[in-house]
């Protein structure tokens, strides 16, 4: 017995990539940018862009799932 692949696997992969990239981004920002306020702005910007990307990707996948006719499921 096998379990069918989730349509959200691509979004899960994006989330994993973003999580793994967050540590190098944090390290780079902490070494290259002086001033805690500017560092926070860079990290908040990374988080904001990452969140927007995940929202857009999730909405696309869910819309594709909802738009599939019942005969194809």
N, C-alpha and C. Protein backbone atom coordinates (compact mmCIF):
# COMPACT_ATOMS: atom_id res chain seq x y z
N UNK A 1 0.85 -1.16 0.00
CA UNK A 1 0.00 0.00 0.00
C UNK A 1 0.91 1.25 0.00
N UNK A 2 0.61 2.19 -0.90
CA UNK A 2 1.38 3.42 -0.95
C UNK A 2 0.48 4.62 -0.71
N UNK A 3 1.10 5.66 -0.24
CA UNK A 3 0.39 6.90 0.02
C UNK A 3 0.68 7.85 -1.13
N UNK A 4 -0.34 8.47 -1.71
CA UNK A 4 -0.08 9.40 -2.82
C UNK A 4 0.68 10.64 -2.32
N UNK A 5 1.50 11.20 -3.21
CA UNK A 5 2.28 12.38 -2.87
C UNK A 5 1.35 13.57 -2.63
N UNK A 6 1.71 14.37 -1.66
CA UNK A 6 0.92 15.56 -1.34
C UNK A 6 1.20 16.64 -2.38
N UNK A 7 0.17 17.35 -2.82
CA UNK A 7 0.40 18.45 -3.75
C UNK A 7 1.17 19.60 -3.11
N UNK A 8 1.22 19.62 -1.79
CA UNK A 8 1.94 20.69 -1.10
C UNK A 8 3.41 20.36 -0.84
N UNK A 9 3.91 19.28 -1.41
CA UNK A 9 5.32 18.92 -1.21
C UNK A 9 6.27 20.00 -1.73
N UNK A 10 5.90 20.66 -2.83
CA UNK A 10 6.75 21.73 -3.36
C UNK A 10 6.83 22.89 -2.38
N UNK A 11 5.73 23.19 -1.71
CA UNK A 11 5.73 24.27 -0.72
C UNK A 11 6.56 23.87 0.50
N UNK A 12 6.47 22.61 0.88
CA UNK A 12 7.29 22.13 2.00
C UNK A 12 8.77 22.23 1.68
N UNK A 13 9.13 21.92 0.43
CA UNK A 13 10.52 22.05 0.01
C UNK A 13 10.97 23.51 0.05
N UNK A 14 10.13 24.42 -0.42
CA UNK A 14 10.44 25.84 -0.34
C UNK A 14 10.66 26.29 1.09
N UNK A 15 9.81 25.82 1.99
CA UNK A 15 9.95 26.17 3.41
C UNK A 15 11.27 25.65 3.96
N UNK A 16 11.63 24.42 3.61
CA UNK A 16 12.91 23.86 4.08
C UNK A 16 14.09 24.67 3.55
N UNK A 17 14.03 25.07 2.29
CA UNK A 17 15.12 25.86 1.71
C UNK A 17 15.22 27.21 2.41
N UNK A 18 14.08 27.84 2.66
CA UNK A 18 14.10 29.13 3.36
C UNK A 18 14.66 28.98 4.76
N UNK A 19 14.28 27.93 5.46
CA UNK A 19 14.80 27.72 6.81
C UNK A 19 16.31 27.50 6.79
N UNK A 20 16.79 26.72 5.82
CA UNK A 20 18.23 26.49 5.74
C UNK A 20 18.98 27.75 5.32
N UNK A 21 18.38 28.59 4.50
CA UNK A 21 19.03 29.83 4.07
C UNK A 21 19.02 30.90 5.15
N UNK A 22 18.11 30.79 6.09
CA UNK A 22 18.01 31.84 7.11
C UNK A 22 19.25 31.93 7.99
N UNK A 23 19.89 30.82 8.27
CA UNK A 23 21.10 30.86 9.11
C UNK A 23 22.25 31.55 8.39
N UNK A 24 22.58 31.19 7.13
CA UNK A 24 23.64 31.92 6.43
C UNK A 24 23.31 33.40 6.24
N UNK A 25 22.05 33.71 5.98
CA UNK A 25 21.67 35.12 5.83
C UNK A 25 21.90 35.85 7.14
N UNK A 26 21.51 35.24 8.24
CA UNK A 26 21.71 35.86 9.55
C UNK A 26 23.20 36.08 9.83
N UNK A 27 24.02 35.07 9.53
CA UNK A 27 25.46 35.21 9.75
C UNK A 27 26.06 36.28 8.87
N UNK A 28 25.69 36.31 7.60
CA UNK A 28 26.20 37.33 6.69
C UNK A 28 25.81 38.74 7.14
N UNK A 29 24.56 38.89 7.51
CA UNK A 29 24.10 40.21 7.95
C UNK A 29 24.82 40.62 9.22
N UNK A 30 25.03 39.69 10.13
CA UNK A 30 25.68 40.06 11.40
C UNK A 30 27.14 40.44 11.20
N UNK A 31 27.81 39.87 10.18
CA UNK A 31 29.21 40.21 9.94
C UNK A 31 29.39 41.39 8.99
N UNK A 32 28.49 41.58 8.05
CA UNK A 32 28.69 42.61 7.03
C UNK A 32 28.01 43.93 7.32
N UNK A 33 27.01 43.93 8.17
CA UNK A 33 26.23 45.14 8.42
C UNK A 33 26.48 45.61 9.85
N UNK A 34 26.85 46.89 9.96
CA UNK A 34 27.04 47.46 11.29
C UNK A 34 25.75 48.14 11.72
N UNK A 35 25.47 48.11 12.96
CA UNK A 35 24.27 48.72 13.50
C UNK A 35 23.15 47.71 13.62
N UNK A 36 22.68 47.56 14.82
CA UNK A 36 21.67 46.54 15.10
C UNK A 36 20.36 46.84 14.40
N UNK A 37 20.01 48.13 14.28
CA UNK A 37 18.74 48.49 13.64
C UNK A 37 18.73 48.08 12.17
N UNK A 38 19.84 48.34 11.47
CA UNK A 38 19.93 47.97 10.05
C UNK A 38 19.93 46.44 9.90
N UNK A 39 20.60 45.75 10.81
CA UNK A 39 20.59 44.28 10.78
C UNK A 39 19.16 43.75 10.92
N UNK A 40 18.44 44.32 11.86
CA UNK A 40 17.05 43.90 12.07
C UNK A 40 16.22 44.18 10.83
N UNK A 41 16.45 45.31 10.18
CA UNK A 41 15.71 45.62 8.96
C UNK A 41 16.00 44.60 7.86
N UNK A 42 17.26 44.24 7.68
CA UNK A 42 17.62 43.24 6.67
C UNK A 42 16.97 41.89 6.98
N UNK A 43 17.06 41.46 8.22
CA UNK A 43 16.49 40.17 8.59
C UNK A 43 14.97 40.18 8.51
N UNK A 44 14.36 41.30 8.90
CA UNK A 44 12.90 41.41 8.78
C UNK A 44 12.50 41.41 7.31
N UNK A 45 13.29 42.05 6.47
CA UNK A 45 13.02 42.04 5.03
C UNK A 45 13.10 40.64 4.46
N UNK A 46 14.12 39.89 4.87
CA UNK A 46 14.24 38.50 4.43
C UNK A 46 13.03 37.68 4.87
N UNK A 47 12.62 37.87 6.11
CA UNK A 47 11.46 37.15 6.63
C UNK A 47 10.18 37.55 5.90
N UNK A 48 10.03 38.83 5.60
CA UNK A 48 8.85 39.31 4.91
C UNK A 48 8.77 38.75 3.50
N UNK A 49 9.88 38.81 2.77
CA UNK A 49 9.91 38.29 1.40
C UNK A 49 9.68 36.77 1.41
N UNK A 50 10.29 36.08 2.36
CA UNK A 50 10.10 34.63 2.46
C UNK A 50 8.65 34.28 2.73
N UNK A 51 8.03 35.03 3.62
CA UNK A 51 6.63 34.79 3.95
C UNK A 51 5.73 35.04 2.74
N UNK A 52 5.98 36.13 2.03
CA UNK A 52 5.20 36.41 0.84
C UNK A 52 5.35 35.30 -0.20
N UNK A 53 6.58 34.83 -0.37
CA UNK A 53 6.82 33.75 -1.33
C UNK A 53 6.03 32.49 -0.96
N UNK A 54 6.06 32.13 0.31
CA UNK A 54 5.34 30.94 0.75
C UNK A 54 3.82 31.11 0.60
N UNK A 55 3.33 32.29 0.88
CA UNK A 55 1.89 32.55 0.72
C UNK A 55 1.49 32.42 -0.74
N UNK A 56 2.28 33.01 -1.64
CA UNK A 56 1.96 32.96 -3.07
C UNK A 56 2.00 31.52 -3.57
N UNK A 57 3.05 30.80 -3.20
CA UNK A 57 3.17 29.40 -3.65
C UNK A 57 2.02 28.53 -3.12
N UNK A 58 1.68 28.71 -1.85
CA UNK A 58 0.60 27.93 -1.26
C UNK A 58 -0.73 28.24 -1.93
N UNK A 59 -0.98 29.51 -2.18
CA UNK A 59 -2.24 29.88 -2.83
C UNK A 59 -2.32 29.30 -4.24
N UNK A 60 -1.21 29.30 -4.97
CA UNK A 60 -1.20 28.72 -6.32
C UNK A 60 -1.51 27.23 -6.28
N UNK A 61 -0.89 26.52 -5.36
CA UNK A 61 -1.10 25.08 -5.26
C UNK A 61 -2.53 24.77 -4.86
N UNK A 62 -3.04 25.47 -3.87
CA UNK A 62 -4.41 25.24 -3.41
C UNK A 62 -5.40 25.58 -4.52
N UNK A 63 -5.15 26.67 -5.25
CA UNK A 63 -6.04 27.03 -6.36
C UNK A 63 -6.02 25.95 -7.43
N UNK A 64 -4.83 25.39 -7.72
CA UNK A 64 -4.75 24.32 -8.71
C UNK A 64 -5.49 23.08 -8.23
N UNK A 65 -5.46 22.80 -6.94
CA UNK A 65 -6.17 21.65 -6.40
C UNK A 65 -7.68 21.86 -6.50
N UNK A 66 -8.14 23.04 -6.16
CA UNK A 66 -9.57 23.34 -6.17
C UNK A 66 -10.10 23.36 -7.60
N UNK A 67 -9.29 23.84 -8.56
CA UNK A 67 -9.74 23.95 -9.95
C UNK A 67 -9.77 22.64 -10.70
N UNK A 68 -9.21 21.57 -10.13
CA UNK A 68 -9.22 20.27 -10.80
C UNK A 68 -10.63 19.71 -10.78
N UNK A 69 -11.14 19.29 -11.94
CA UNK A 69 -12.48 18.68 -11.95
C UNK A 69 -12.50 17.40 -11.12
N UNK A 70 -13.67 17.05 -10.63
CA UNK A 70 -13.83 15.88 -9.76
C UNK A 70 -13.45 14.58 -10.46
N UNK A 71 -13.55 14.52 -11.79
CA UNK A 71 -13.23 13.30 -12.52
C UNK A 71 -11.75 12.98 -12.50
N UNK A 72 -10.88 13.99 -12.32
CA UNK A 72 -9.44 13.78 -12.38
C UNK A 72 -8.83 13.40 -11.04
N UNK A 73 -9.58 13.43 -9.97
CA UNK A 73 -9.01 13.13 -8.65
C UNK A 73 -9.03 11.66 -8.36
